[in-house]
Amino acid sequence: MDPAASLQQQAIDYAKRGDFGPDAKRVNQQLAELSPQNLGAWTRLARCCIELGQLDEATVAIDAALQLEPQNTIARNMQGDVTRRRMAATEPAPAPRRRVAPARTATSRTSRTSAVTAGFGRQEFTALAHLPPAQALEALGPRLETLLMDVNERPFAAKAAEARNRAGRSGIRLFRRNSFRAVGPGHLEAFQHGGRWEPQINLGWLAVPARAMRAGIGFHFTAEPEDPEGQLGRERLLERYALFQRLVASEWRELLTRWMEMNRGFIQHGTDAPATDLLPRHAVQWIIDTDTAPDRGWVFCGRWLFADRADDEEVLADAGRLIRWIDQTFTDLLPLWTAVYRG
């Protein structure tokens, strides 16, 4: 077997496991030396160096990646990560505080197990950024499935399933197993079972162009060539989106604007990052006024968690807090989604 191909497979296997330790560093370093045009080898090597605290070596690997692709988002994000770590290293350490260890009860053990199983922390975002879509889906799928099964138990999920039933759609559960998919490199998503051509209760995980998770209402207008319902489904969805625009323009204008202001809500369209540069009232106006939105293929309005924010990172990594965040998001948006869904 070609040495470069062998090293490439080993490097992907390490990334798939979320392992960016010394062995992974050695493999990616050998691969980068053997194939200096291999962008993935340099970005994985940089991640290994960051995780090992070797910031000078990480900078060298990041620079090599940026020479190959100056606008590479993964390398740019790691560049910011290195800067933040250097700054943190120069800050004075806080005075140590004595902490009382919590009792090791069955409940606390269950909570920790849930967090390990269903949280989505730094290691998961790193794997999502570095693995090809199919392998990212395979590596992270069990974690996402556990999360979705927990979300199914929230009251909003039963109400959404009931709304679908009343509209003649089957299913007593909002999410079924394998209700998630890889959209593209660094991007996974999940939506209600059977909801491909419906206003979607959508969850998404992005490693590029921003490390973030979204929850909200989505409209996916692009038909896959093998989809037999593509044209008819798109026509139905266009009708629903037009209704969404009318509702947002009337009774939901102020409600949605305030909700976005209070919950760090942003829109997203096409393959762009969330539109964090738009104030909520401008984002709502964009929804109302933009007639060509469906031509962008994807339109979303909802709430976001950004892994580069310390408070958001804590929510993402904690399964219980993450599920409560999802629950609150869709509990707030469910009346709007239901109104659009029922037509």
C-alpha atoms as a PDB file:
ATOM      1  CA  MET A   1       0.000   0.000   0.000  1.00  0.00           C
ATOM      2  CA  ASP A   2       1.232   3.486  -0.830  1.00  0.00           C
ATOM      3  CA  PRO A   3       2.788   5.014   2.342  1.00  0.00           C
ATOM      4  CA  ALA A   4       0.920   8.292   1.883  1.00  0.00           C
ATOM      5  CA  ALA A   5      -2.391   6.476   1.472  1.00  0.00           C
ATOM      6  CA  SER A   6      -1.700   4.398   4.597  1.00  0.00           C
ATOM      7  CA  LEU A   7      -0.849   7.482   6.639  1.00  0.00           C
ATOM      8  CA  GLN A   8      -3.932   9.286   5.270  1.00  0.00           C
ATOM      9  CA  GLN A   9      -6.184   6.445   6.419  1.00  0.00           C
ATOM     10  CA  GLN A  10      -4.553   6.383   9.854  1.00  0.00           C
ATOM     11  CA  ALA A  11      -4.954  10.162  10.175  1.00  0.00           C
ATOM     12  CA  ILE A  12      -8.643   9.972   9.267  1.00  0.00           C
ATOM     13  CA  ASP A  13      -9.156   7.124  11.735  1.00  0.00           C
ATOM     14  CA  TYR A  14      -7.636   9.213  14.534  1.00  0.00           C
ATOM     15  CA  ALA A  15      -9.809  12.210  13.605  1.00  0.00           C
ATOM     16  CA  LYS A  16     -12.873  10.003  13.423  1.00  0.00           C
ATOM     17  CA  ARG A  17     -12.285   8.984  17.033  1.00  0.00           C
ATOM     18  CA  GLY A  18     -11.681  12.593  18.032  1.00  0.00           C
ATOM     19  CA  ASP A  19      -8.106  11.639  18.940  1.00  0.00           C
ATOM     20  CA  PHE A  20      -5.652  14.503  18.365  1.00  0.00           C
ATOM     21  CA  GLY A  21      -2.985  13.275  20.764  1.00  0.00           C
ATOM     22  CA  PRO A  22       0.708  12.448  20.266  1.00  0.00           C
ATOM     23  CA  ASP A  23       0.147   9.448  17.979  1.00  0.00           C
ATOM     24  CA  ALA A  24      -2.197  11.411  15.737  1.00  0.00           C
ATOM     25  CA  LYS A  25       0.318  14.240  15.615  1.00  0.00           C
ATOM     26  CA  ARG A  26       3.100  11.856  14.578  1.00  0.00           C
ATOM     27  CA  VAL A  27       0.994  10.383  11.746  1.00  0.00           C
ATOM     28  CA  ASN A  28      -0.121  13.765  10.407  1.00  0.00           C
ATOM     29  CA  GLN A  29       3.424  15.142  10.657  1.00  0.00           C
ATOM     30  CA  GLN A  30       4.744  12.238   8.610  1.00  0.00           C
ATOM     31  CA  LEU A  31       1.935  12.697   6.090  1.00  0.00           C
ATOM     32  CA  ALA A  32       2.590  16.437   5.772  1.00  0.00           C
ATOM     33  CA  GLU A  33       6.280  15.796   5.187  1.00  0.00           C
ATOM     34  CA  LEU A  34       5.524  13.116   2.619  1.00  0.00           C
ATOM     35  CA  SER A  35       2.709  15.079   0.901  1.00  0.00           C
ATOM     36  CA  PRO A  36       3.273  18.788   1.570  1.00  0.00           C
ATOM     37  CA  GLN A  37       0.282  19.717  -0.648  1.00  0.00           C
ATOM     38  CA  ASN A  38      -2.117  17.747   1.594  1.00  0.00           C
ATOM     39  CA  LEU A  39      -4.187  20.502   3.202  1.00  0.00           C
ATOM     40  CA  GLY A  40      -5.981  18.123   5.562  1.00  0.00           C
ATOM     41  CA  ALA A  41      -2.698  16.848   6.963  1.00  0.00           C
ATOM     42  CA  TRP A  42      -1.608  20.372   7.896  1.00  0.00           C
ATOM     43  CA  THR A  43      -4.939  21.331   9.500  1.00  0.00           C
ATOM     44  CA  ARG A  44      -5.089  18.073  11.481  1.00  0.00           C
ATOM     45  CA  LEU A  45      -1.467  18.537  12.544  1.00  0.00           C
ATOM     46  CA  ALA A  46      -2.291  22.059  13.710  1.00  0.00           C
ATOM     47  CA  ARG A  47      -5.229  20.755  15.748  1.00  0.00           C
ATOM     48  CA  CYS A  48      -3.028  18.109  17.358  1.00  0.00           C
ATOM     49  CA  CYS A  49      -0.464  20.752  18.334  1.00  0.00           C
ATOM     50  CA  ILE A  50      -3.188  22.997  19.783  1.00  0.00           C
ATOM     51  CA  GLU A  51      -4.647  20.163  21.853  1.00  0.00           C
ATOM     52  CA  LEU A  52      -1.153  19.285  23.097  1.00  0.00           C
ATOM     53  CA  GLY A  53      -0.455  22.918  24.005  1.00  0.00           C
ATOM     54  CA  GLN A  54       2.316  23.251  21.406  1.00  0.00           C
ATOM     55  CA  LEU A  55       1.228  26.629  20.086  1.00  0.00           C
ATOM     56  CA  ASP A  56       4.430  27.505  18.198  1.00  0.00           C
ATOM     57  CA  GLU A  57       4.258  24.273  16.213  1.00  0.00           C
ATOM     58  CA  ALA A  58       0.544  24.827  15.665  1.00  0.00           C
ATOM     59  CA  THR A  59       1.290  28.238  14.156  1.00  0.00           C
ATOM     60  CA  VAL A  60       3.777  26.707  11.712  1.00  0.00           C
ATOM     61  CA  ALA A  61       1.211  24.105  10.583  1.00  0.00           C
ATOM     62  CA  ILE A  62      -1.538  26.744  10.265  1.00  0.00           C
ATOM     63  CA  ASP A  63       0.744  28.942   8.150  1.00  0.00           C
ATOM     64  CA  ALA A  64       1.461  25.983   5.867  1.00  0.00           C
ATOM     65  CA  ALA A  65      -2.267  25.336   5.468  1.00  0.00           C
ATOM     66  CA  LEU A  66      -2.964  28.991   4.684  1.00  0.00           C
ATOM     67  CA  GLN A  67      -0.218  29.032   2.057  1.00  0.00           C
ATOM     68  CA  LEU A  68      -2.077  26.225   0.297  1.00  0.00           C
ATOM     69  CA  GLU A  69      -5.514  27.847   0.741  1.00  0.00           C
ATOM     70  CA  PRO A  70      -5.437  31.416   2.119  1.00  0.00           C
ATOM     71  CA  GLN A  71      -9.189  31.503   2.843  1.00  0.00           C
ATOM     72  CA  ASN A  72      -9.398  28.092   4.517  1.00  0.00           C
ATOM     73  CA  THR A  73     -11.947  28.542   7.297  1.00  0.00           C
ATOM     74  CA  ILE A  74     -10.668  25.711   9.478  1.00  0.00           C
ATOM     75  CA  ALA A  75      -7.160  27.165   9.525  1.00  0.00           C
ATOM     76  CA  ARG A  76      -8.506  30.672  10.172  1.00  0.00           C
ATOM     77  CA  ASN A  77     -10.561  29.417  13.102  1.00  0.00           C
ATOM     78  CA  MET A  78      -7.543  27.638  14.575  1.00  0.00           C
ATOM     79  CA  GLN A  79      -5.490  30.787  14.131  1.00  0.00           C
ATOM     80  CA  GLY A  80      -7.989  32.574  16.377  1.00  0.00           C
ATOM     81  CA  ASP A  81      -7.903  29.656  18.817  1.00  0.00           C
ATOM     82  CA  VAL A  82      -4.118  29.932  19.117  1.00  0.00           C
ATOM     83  CA  THR A  83      -4.372  33.676  19.744  1.00  0.00           C
ATOM     84  CA  ARG A  84      -6.968  33.194  22.483  1.00  0.00           C
ATOM     85  CA  ARG A  85      -4.848  30.517  24.163  1.00  0.00           C
ATOM     86  CA  ARG A  86      -1.761  32.721  24.098  1.00  0.00           C
ATOM     87  CA  MET A  87      -3.744  35.560  25.679  1.00  0.00           C
ATOM     88  CA  ALA A  88      -5.192  33.250  28.325  1.00  0.00           C
ATOM     89  CA  ALA A  89      -1.702  32.024  29.184  1.00  0.00           C
ATOM     90  CA  THR A  90      -0.607  35.582  30.019  1.00  0.00           C
ATOM     91  CA  GLU A  91      -3.552  36.300  32.343  1.00  0.00           C
ATOM     92  CA  PRO A  92      -2.970  35.906  36.102  1.00  0.00           C
ATOM     93  CA  ALA A  93      -4.375  32.693  37.487  1.00  0.00           C
ATOM     94  CA  PRO A  94      -7.342  33.107  39.847  1.00  0.00           C
ATOM     95  CA  ALA A  95      -6.918  32.228  43.492  1.00  0.00           C
ATOM     96  CA  PRO A  96      -7.745  28.569  44.079  1.00  0.00           C
ATOM     97  CA  ARG A  97     -11.082  27.826  45.705  1.00  0.00           C
ATOM     98  CA  ARG A  98     -11.867  24.815  47.800  1.00  0.00           C
ATOM     99  CA  ARG A  99     -14.718  22.793  46.427  1.00  0.00           C
ATOM    100  CA  VAL A 100     -16.723  20.106  48.110  1.00  0.00           C
ATOM    101  CA  ALA A 101     -16.990  17.010  45.957  1.00  0.00           C
ATOM    102  CA  PRO A 102     -20.635  16.117  45.185  1.00  0.00           C
ATOM    103  CA  ALA A 103     -22.010  12.839  46.429  1.00  0.00           C
ATOM    104  CA  ARG A 104     -21.632  10.039  43.894  1.00  0.00           C
ATOM    105  CA  THR A 105     -25.289   9.216  43.558  1.00  0.00           C
ATOM    106  CA  ALA A 106     -26.958   7.236  40.793  1.00  0.00           C
ATOM    107  CA  THR A 107     -28.488  10.471  39.504  1.00  0.00           C
ATOM    108  CA  SER A 108     -25.138  12.250  39.161  1.00  0.00           C
ATOM    109  CA  ARG A 109     -23.655   9.245  37.378  1.00  0.00           C
ATOM    110  CA  THR A 110     -26.583   9.206  34.949  1.00  0.00           C
ATOM    111  CA  SER A 111     -26.186  12.923  34.313  1.00  0.00           C
ATOM    112  CA  ARG A 112     -22.494  12.535  33.524  1.00  0.00           C
ATOM    113  CA  THR A 113     -23.198   9.598  31.210  1.00  0.00           C
ATOM    114  CA  SER A 114     -25.830  11.627  29.364  1.00  0.00           C
ATOM    115  CA  ALA A 115     -23.412  14.527  28.918  1.00  0.00           C
ATOM    116  CA  VAL A 116     -20.747  12.237  27.488  1.00  0.00           C
ATOM    117  CA  THR A 117     -23.276  10.585  25.196  1.00  0.00           C
ATOM    118  CA  ALA A 118     -25.229  13.532  23.873  1.00  0.00           C
ATOM    119  CA  GLY A 119     -23.297  16.760  24.426  1.00  0.00           C
ATOM    120  CA  PHE A 120     -21.547  18.352  21.470  1.00  0.00           C
ATOM    121  CA  GLY A 121     -18.243  19.790  22.603  1.00  0.00           C
ATOM    122  CA  ARG A 122     -14.902  20.832  21.201  1.00  0.00           C
ATOM    123  CA  GLN A 123     -13.886  17.291  20.284  1.00  0.00           C
ATOM    124  CA  GLU A 124     -17.048  16.765  18.222  1.00  0.00           C
ATOM    125  CA  PHE A 125     -16.662  20.049  16.340  1.00  0.00           C
ATOM    126  CA  THR A 126     -13.049  19.159  15.606  1.00  0.00           C
ATOM    127  CA  ALA A 127     -14.050  15.771  14.212  1.00  0.00           C
ATOM    128  CA  LEU A 128     -16.793  17.402  12.143  1.00  0.00           C
ATOM    129  CA  ALA A 129     -14.304  19.884  10.705  1.00  0.00           C
ATOM    130  CA  HIS A 130     -11.695  17.312   9.721  1.00  0.00           C
ATOM    131  CA  LEU A 131     -13.673  14.252   8.601  1.00  0.00           C
ATOM    132  CA  PRO A 132     -15.288  13.755   5.178  1.00  0.00           C
ATOM    133  CA  PRO A 133     -19.111  14.041   5.422  1.00  0.00           C
ATOM    134  CA  ALA A 134     -19.879  10.309   5.392  1.00  0.00           C
ATOM    135  CA  GLN A 135     -17.279   9.547   8.038  1.00  0.00           C
ATOM    136  CA  ALA A 136     -18.368  12.498  10.194  1.00  0.00           C
ATOM    137  CA  LEU A 137     -21.900  11.156  10.042  1.00  0.00           C
ATOM    138  CA  GLU A 138     -20.731   7.698  11.059  1.00  0.00           C
ATOM    139  CA  ALA A 139     -18.576   9.003  13.916  1.00  0.00           C
ATOM    140  CA  LEU A 140     -21.080  11.501  15.356  1.00  0.00           C
ATOM    141  CA  GLY A 141     -24.340   9.779  14.431  1.00  0.00           C
ATOM    142  CA  PRO A 142     -24.785   7.806  17.684  1.00  0.00           C
ATOM    143  CA  ARG A 143     -24.331  10.999  19.714  1.00  0.00           C
ATOM    144  CA  LEU A 144     -26.866  12.905  17.611  1.00  0.00           C
ATOM    145  CA  GLU A 145     -29.344  10.039  17.714  1.00  0.00           C
ATOM    146  CA  THR A 146     -29.226   9.942  21.507  1.00  0.00           C
ATOM    147  CA  LEU A 147     -29.808  13.685  21.601  1.00  0.00           C
ATOM    148  CA  LEU A 148     -32.797  13.453  19.251  1.00  0.00           C
ATOM    149  CA  MET A 149     -34.361  10.603  21.211  1.00  0.00           C
ATOM    150  CA  ASP A 150     -34.127  12.760  24.350  1.00  0.00           C
ATOM    151  CA  VAL A 151     -35.659  15.716  22.490  1.00  0.00           C
ATOM    152  CA  ASN A 152     -38.559  13.447  21.517  1.00  0.00           C
ATOM    153  CA  GLU A 153     -39.552  13.337  25.191  1.00  0.00           C
ATOM    154  CA  ARG A 154     -40.054  17.100  25.461  1.00  0.00           C
ATOM    155  CA  PRO A 155     -43.647  18.440  25.372  1.00  0.00           C
ATOM    156  CA  PHE A 156     -43.114  20.551  22.242  1.00  0.00           C
ATOM    157  CA  ALA A 157     -42.176  17.396  20.269  1.00  0.00           C
ATOM    158  CA  ALA A 158     -45.511  15.729  21.053  1.00  0.00           C
ATOM    159  CA  LYS A 159     -47.379  18.879  20.018  1.00  0.00           C
ATOM    160  CA  ALA A 160     -45.492  19.087  16.731  1.00  0.00           C
ATOM    161  CA  ALA A 161     -46.169  15.417  15.987  1.00  0.00           C
ATOM    162  CA  GLU A 162     -49.863  16.016  16.721  1.00  0.00           C
ATOM    163  CA  ALA A 163     -49.928  18.976  14.309  1.00  0.00           C
ATOM    164  CA  ARG A 164     -48.472  16.749  11.597  1.00  0.00           C
ATOM    165  CA  ASN A 165     -51.035  14.031  12.306  1.00  0.00           C
ATOM    166  CA  ARG A 166     -53.889  16.518  11.986  1.00  0.00           C
ATOM    167  CA  ALA A 167     -52.502  17.529   8.614  1.00  0.00           C
ATOM    168  CA  GLY A 168     -52.610  13.901   7.482  1.00  0.00           C
ATOM    169  CA  ARG A 169     -48.926  13.092   8.070  1.00  0.00           C
ATOM    170  CA  SER A 170     -47.955   9.858   9.752  1.00  0.00           C
ATOM    171  CA  GLY A 171     -45.767   9.343  12.804  1.00  0.00           C
ATOM    172  CA  ILE A 172     -46.255   9.597  16.538  1.00  0.00           C
ATOM    173  CA  ARG A 173     -42.660  10.679  17.158  1.00  0.00           C
ATOM    174  CA  LEU A 174     -41.093  13.878  15.906  1.00  0.00           C
ATOM    175  CA  PHE A 175     -37.692  12.295  15.252  1.00  0.00           C
ATOM    176  CA  ARG A 176     -37.025   8.690  14.297  1.00  0.00           C
ATOM    177  CA  ARG A 177     -33.691   6.961  14.365  1.00  0.00           C
ATOM    178  CA  ASN A 178     -31.365   8.101  11.598  1.00  0.00           C
ATOM    179  CA  SER A 179     -33.267  11.390  11.253  1.00  0.00           C
ATOM    180  CA  PHE A 180     -29.984  13.214  10.645  1.00  0.00           C
ATOM    181  CA  ARG A 181     -27.846  13.620   7.543  1.00  0.00           C
ATOM    182  CA  ALA A 182     -24.637  15.142   6.236  1.00  0.00           C
ATOM    183  CA  VAL A 183     -25.384  18.280   4.235  1.00  0.00           C
ATOM    184  CA  GLY A 184     -21.779  18.771   3.124  1.00  0.00           C
ATOM    185  CA  PRO A 185     -18.258  19.101   4.534  1.00  0.00           C
ATOM    186  CA  GLY A 186     -18.418  20.228   8.164  1.00  0.00           C
ATOM    187  CA  HIS A 187     -22.222  20.343   8.236  1.00  0.00           C
ATOM    188  CA  LEU A 188     -24.759  17.920   9.758  1.00  0.00           C
ATOM    189  CA  GLU A 189     -28.462  18.515  10.294  1.00  0.00           C
ATOM    190  CA  ALA A 190     -31.640  16.881  11.579  1.00  0.00           C
ATOM    191  CA  PHE A 191     -35.317  17.648  11.009  1.00  0.00           C
ATOM    192  CA  GLN A 192     -38.633  15.972  11.734  1.00  0.00           C
ATOM    193  CA  HIS A 193     -39.211  12.589  10.126  1.00  0.00           C
ATOM    194  CA  GLY A 194     -40.880  13.081   6.743  1.00  0.00           C
ATOM    195  CA  GLY A 195     -40.131  16.803   6.835  1.00  0.00           C
ATOM    196  CA  ARG A 196     -37.952  17.136   3.737  1.00  0.00           C
ATOM    197  CA  TRP A 197     -40.616  19.162   1.901  1.00  0.00           C
ATOM    198  CA  GLU A 198     -42.186  20.693   4.996  1.00  0.00           C
ATOM    199  CA  PRO A 199     -41.323  23.751   7.076  1.00  0.00           C
ATOM    200  CA  GLN A 200     -38.620  22.077   9.114  1.00  0.00           C
ATOM    201  CA  ILE A 201     -38.065  21.873  12.831  1.00  0.00           C
ATOM    202  CA  ASN A 202     -34.370  22.002  12.102  1.00  0.00           C
ATOM    203  CA  LEU A 203     -31.227  21.344  14.125  1.00  0.00           C
ATOM    204  CA  GLY A 204     -27.844  21.891  12.532  1.00  0.00           C
ATOM    205  CA  TRP A 205     -24.194  21.485  13.520  1.00  0.00           C
ATOM    206  CA  LEU A 206     -21.598  23.456  11.558  1.00  0.00           C
ATOM    207  CA  ALA A 207     -17.817  23.346  11.771  1.00  0.00           C
ATOM    208  CA  VAL A 208     -17.387  25.734   8.820  1.00  0.00           C
ATOM    209  CA  PRO A 209     -17.645  28.645   8.245  1.00  0.00           C
ATOM    210  CA  ALA A 210     -18.416  28.956  11.992  1.00  0.00           C
ATOM    211  CA  ARG A 211     -18.340  26.367  14.791  1.00  0.00           C
ATOM    212  CA  ALA A 212     -21.970  26.627  15.790  1.00  0.00           C
ATOM    213  CA  MET A 213     -25.247  24.813  16.390  1.00  0.00           C
ATOM    214  CA  ARG A 214     -28.637  26.091  15.247  1.00  0.00           C
ATOM    215  CA  ALA A 215     -32.241  25.363  16.245  1.00  0.00           C
ATOM    216  CA  GLY A 216     -35.234  26.889  14.520  1.00  0.00           C
ATOM    217  CA  ILE A 217     -37.469  26.893  11.449  1.00  0.00           C
ATOM    218  CA  GLY A 218     -35.848  25.989   8.132  1.00  0.00           C
ATOM    219  CA  PHE A 219     -36.921  25.766   4.488  1.00  0.00           C
ATOM    220  CA  HIS A 220     -34.866  23.601   2.139  1.00  0.00           C
ATOM    221  CA  PHE A 221     -35.804  24.416  -1.471  1.00  0.00           C
ATOM    222  CA  THR A 222     -33.155  22.471  -3.398  1.00  0.00           C
ATOM    223  CA  ALA A 223     -34.310  19.165  -4.845  1.00  0.00           C
ATOM    224  CA  GLU A 224     -31.986  16.189  -5.131  1.00  0.00           C
ATOM    225  CA  PRO A 225     -31.996  14.626  -8.629  1.00  0.00           C
ATOM    226  CA  GLU A 226     -33.157  11.244  -7.309  1.00  0.00           C
ATOM    227  CA  ASP A 227     -36.047  12.721  -5.318  1.00  0.00           C
ATOM    228  CA  PRO A 228     -39.300  11.618  -7.063  1.00  0.00           C
ATOM    229  CA  GLU A 229     -41.314  14.213  -5.153  1.00  0.00           C
ATOM    230  CA  GLY A 230     -38.888  17.033  -5.885  1.00  0.00           C
ATOM    231  CA  GLN A 231     -40.878  19.359  -8.121  1.00  0.00           C
ATOM    232  CA  LEU A 232     -44.231  18.827  -6.429  1.00  0.00           C
ATOM    233  CA  GLY A 233     -42.647  19.041  -2.992  1.00  0.00           C
ATOM    234  CA  ARG A 234     -40.889  22.284  -3.871  1.00  0.00           C
ATOM    235  CA  GLU A 235     -44.144  23.844  -5.099  1.00  0.00           C
ATOM    236  CA  ARG A 236     -45.855  22.967  -1.820  1.00  0.00           C
ATOM    237  CA  LEU A 237     -42.932  24.348   0.142  1.00  0.00           C
ATOM    238  CA  LEU A 238     -42.965  27.604  -1.830  1.00  0.00           C
ATOM    239  CA  GLU A 239     -46.606  28.060  -0.800  1.00  0.00           C
ATOM    240  CA  ARG A 240     -45.708  27.461   2.831  1.00  0.00           C
ATOM    241  CA  TYR A 241     -42.796  29.890   2.668  1.00  0.00           C
ATOM    242  CA  ALA A 242     -45.040  32.579   1.172  1.00  0.00           C
ATOM    243  CA  LEU A 243     -47.385  32.031   4.120  1.00  0.00           C
ATOM    244  CA  PHE A 244     -44.408  32.258   6.495  1.00  0.00           C
ATOM    245  CA  GLN A 245     -43.543  35.637   4.968  1.00  0.00           C
ATOM    246  CA  ARG A 246     -47.120  36.887   5.367  1.00  0.00           C
ATOM    247  CA  LEU A 247     -47.297  35.793   8.994  1.00  0.00           C
ATOM    248  CA  VAL A 248     -43.951  37.397   9.789  1.00  0.00           C
ATOM    249  CA  ALA A 249     -45.086  40.590   8.051  1.00  0.00           C
ATOM    250  CA  SER A 250     -48.266  40.781  10.138  1.00  0.00           C
ATOM    251  CA  GLU A 251     -48.912  39.404  13.609  1.00  0.00           C
ATOM    252  CA  TRP A 252     -45.452  37.896  14.068  1.00  0.00           C
ATOM    253  CA  ARG A 253     -43.322  40.894  13.100  1.00  0.00           C
ATOM    254  CA  GLU A 254     -42.906  42.371  16.588  1.00  0.00           C
ATOM    255  CA  LEU A 255     -43.026  39.010  18.362  1.00  0.00           C
ATOM    256  CA  LEU A 256     -40.279  37.500  16.228  1.00  0.00           C
ATOM    257  CA  THR A 257     -38.144  40.646  16.390  1.00  0.00           C
ATOM    258  CA  ARG A 258     -38.278  40.710  20.198  1.00  0.00           C
ATOM    259  CA  TRP A 259     -37.642  36.993  20.420  1.00  0.00           C
ATOM    260  CA  MET A 260     -34.531  37.290  18.238  1.00  0.00           C
ATOM    261  CA  GLU A 261     -33.296  40.244  20.301  1.00  0.00           C
ATOM    262  CA  MET A 262     -33.656  38.312  23.563  1.00  0.00           C
ATOM    263  CA  ASN A 263     -32.316  34.960  22.322  1.00  0.00           C
ATOM    264  CA  ARG A 264     -29.468  35.814  19.941  1.00  0.00           C
ATOM    265  CA  GLY A 265     -31.574  34.813  16.963  1.00  0.00           C
ATOM    266  CA  PHE A 266     -30.167  35.081  13.443  1.00  0.00           C
ATOM    267  CA  ILE A 267     -31.235  34.155   9.950  1.00  0.00           C
ATOM    268  CA  GLN A 268     -29.175  32.058   7.556  1.00  0.00           C
ATOM    269  CA  HIS A 269     -29.543  31.519   3.826  1.00  0.00           C
ATOM    270  CA  GLY A 270     -27.743  29.578   1.145  1.00  0.00           C
ATOM    271  CA  THR A 271     -24.355  28.294   2.226  1.00  0.00           C
ATOM    272  CA  ASP A 272     -23.541  31.477   4.156  1.00  0.00           C
ATOM    273  CA  ALA A 273     -22.717  31.679   7.839  1.00  0.00           C
ATOM    274  CA  PRO A 274     -25.447  32.938  10.173  1.00  0.00           C
ATOM    275  CA  ALA A 275     -26.094  36.614   9.439  1.00  0.00           C
ATOM    276  CA  THR A 276     -24.744  37.934  12.738  1.00  0.00           C
ATOM    277  CA  ASP A 277     -24.227  41.349  11.166  1.00  0.00           C
ATOM    278  CA  LEU A 278     -27.990  41.898  10.783  1.00  0.00           C
ATOM    279  CA  LEU A 279     -29.947  43.412  13.650  1.00  0.00           C
ATOM    280  CA  PRO A 280     -33.116  41.422  14.431  1.00  0.00           C
ATOM    281  CA  ARG A 281     -35.448  44.010  12.884  1.00  0.00           C
ATOM    282  CA  HIS A 282     -33.364  43.999   9.697  1.00  0.00           C
ATOM    283  CA  ALA A 283     -33.313  40.195   9.637  1.00  0.00           C
ATOM    284  CA  VAL A 284     -37.108  40.086   9.987  1.00  0.00           C
ATOM    285  CA  GLN A 285     -37.440  42.668   7.219  1.00  0.00           C
ATOM    286  CA  TRP A 286     -35.177  40.544   5.012  1.00  0.00           C
ATOM    287  CA  ILE A 287     -37.571  37.609   5.457  1.00  0.00           C
ATOM    288  CA  ILE A 288     -40.538  39.791   4.524  1.00  0.00           C
ATOM    289  CA  ASP A 289     -39.019  41.602   1.551  1.00  0.00           C
ATOM    290  CA  THR A 290     -36.736  39.105  -0.179  1.00  0.00           C
ATOM    291  CA  ASP A 291     -38.748  37.466  -2.974  1.00  0.00           C
ATOM    292  CA  THR A 292     -35.725  35.574  -4.278  1.00  0.00           C
ATOM    293  CA  ALA A 293     -34.986  33.814  -0.966  1.00  0.00           C
ATOM    294  CA  PRO A 294     -36.010  30.355  -2.292  1.00  0.00           C
ATOM    295  CA  ASP A 295     -33.463  30.705  -5.097  1.00  0.00           C
ATOM    296  CA  ARG A 296     -30.754  30.567  -2.423  1.00  0.00           C
ATOM    297  CA  GLY A 297     -31.749  26.967  -1.681  1.00  0.00           C
ATOM    298  CA  TRP A 298     -31.916  27.303   2.101  1.00  0.00           C
ATOM    299  CA  VAL A 299     -33.553  29.813   4.453  1.00  0.00           C
ATOM    300  CA  PHE A 300     -33.472  29.543   8.245  1.00  0.00           C
ATOM    301  CA  CYS A 301     -34.613  31.628  11.185  1.00  0.00           C
ATOM    302  CA  GLY A 302     -33.732  30.617  14.705  1.00  0.00           C
ATOM    303  CA  ARG A 303     -31.354  30.547  17.607  1.00  0.00           C
ATOM    304  CA  TRP A 304     -27.623  29.784  17.678  1.00  0.00           C
ATOM    305  CA  LEU A 305     -24.902  28.556  19.996  1.00  0.00           C
ATOM    306  CA  PHE A 306     -21.330  29.464  19.036  1.00  0.00           C
ATOM    307  CA  ALA A 307     -18.561  27.182  20.274  1.00  0.00           C
ATOM    308  CA  ASP A 308     -16.114  30.107  20.372  1.00  0.00           C
ATOM    309  CA  ARG A 309     -18.170  31.759  23.136  1.00  0.00           C
ATOM    310  CA  ALA A 310     -17.330  30.345  26.558  1.00  0.00           C
ATOM    311  CA  ASP A 311     -20.921  30.371  27.845  1.00  0.00           C
ATOM    312  CA  ASP A 312     -22.259  28.752  24.667  1.00  0.00           C
ATOM    313  CA  GLU A 313     -19.507  26.130  24.718  1.00  0.00           C
ATOM    314  CA  GLU A 314     -20.599  25.106  28.210  1.00  0.00           C
ATOM    315  CA  VAL A 315     -24.198  24.649  27.053  1.00  0.00           C
ATOM    316  CA  LEU A 316     -23.118  22.663  24.003  1.00  0.00           C
ATOM    317  CA  ALA A 317     -20.983  20.268  26.036  1.00  0.00           C
ATOM    318  CA  ASP A 318     -23.634  19.654  28.726  1.00  0.00           C
ATOM    319  CA  ALA A 319     -26.346  17.289  27.477  1.00  0.00           C
ATOM    320  CA  GLY A 320     -28.972  18.414  29.987  1.00  0.00           C
ATOM    321  CA  ARG A 321     -28.483  22.125  29.318  1.00  0.00           C
ATOM    322  CA  LEU A 322     -28.358  21.564  25.577  1.00  0.00           C
ATOM    323  CA  ILE A 323     -31.683  19.698  25.559  1.00  0.00           C
ATOM    324  CA  ARG A 324     -33.287  22.434  27.670  1.00  0.00           C
ATOM    325  CA  TRP A 325     -31.964  25.026  25.204  1.00  0.00           C
ATOM    326  CA  ILE A 326     -33.484  23.104  22.280  1.00  0.00           C
ATOM    327  CA  ASP A 327     -36.750  22.655  24.179  1.00  0.00           C
ATOM    328  CA  GLN A 328     -37.072  26.354  24.979  1.00  0.00           C
ATOM    329  CA  THR A 329     -36.249  27.351  21.396  1.00  0.00           C
ATOM    330  CA  PHE A 330     -38.930  25.215  19.803  1.00  0.00           C
ATOM    331  CA  THR A 331     -41.481  25.850  22.549  1.00  0.00           C
ATOM    332  CA  ASP A 332     -41.176  29.550  21.656  1.00  0.00           C
ATOM    333  CA  LEU A 333     -41.297  29.026  17.893  1.00  0.00           C
ATOM    334  CA  LEU A 334     -43.866  26.218  17.760  1.00  0.00           C
ATOM    335  CA  PRO A 335     -46.937  28.504  17.361  1.00  0.00           C
ATOM    336  CA  LEU A 336     -45.354  30.102  14.279  1.00  0.00           C
ATOM    337  CA  TRP A 337     -44.247  26.758  12.843  1.00  0.00           C
ATOM    338  CA  THR A 338     -47.704  25.247  13.461  1.00  0.00           C
ATOM    339  CA  ALA A 339     -49.454  28.169  11.768  1.00  0.00           C
ATOM    340  CA  VAL A 340     -47.208  27.796   8.710  1.00  0.00           C
ATOM    341  CA  TYR A 341     -47.467  24.008   8.696  1.00  0.00           C
ATOM    342  CA  ARG A 342     -51.251  23.899   8.825  1.00  0.00           C
ATOM    343  CA  GLY A 343     -51.509  26.566   6.145  1.00  0.00           C
END
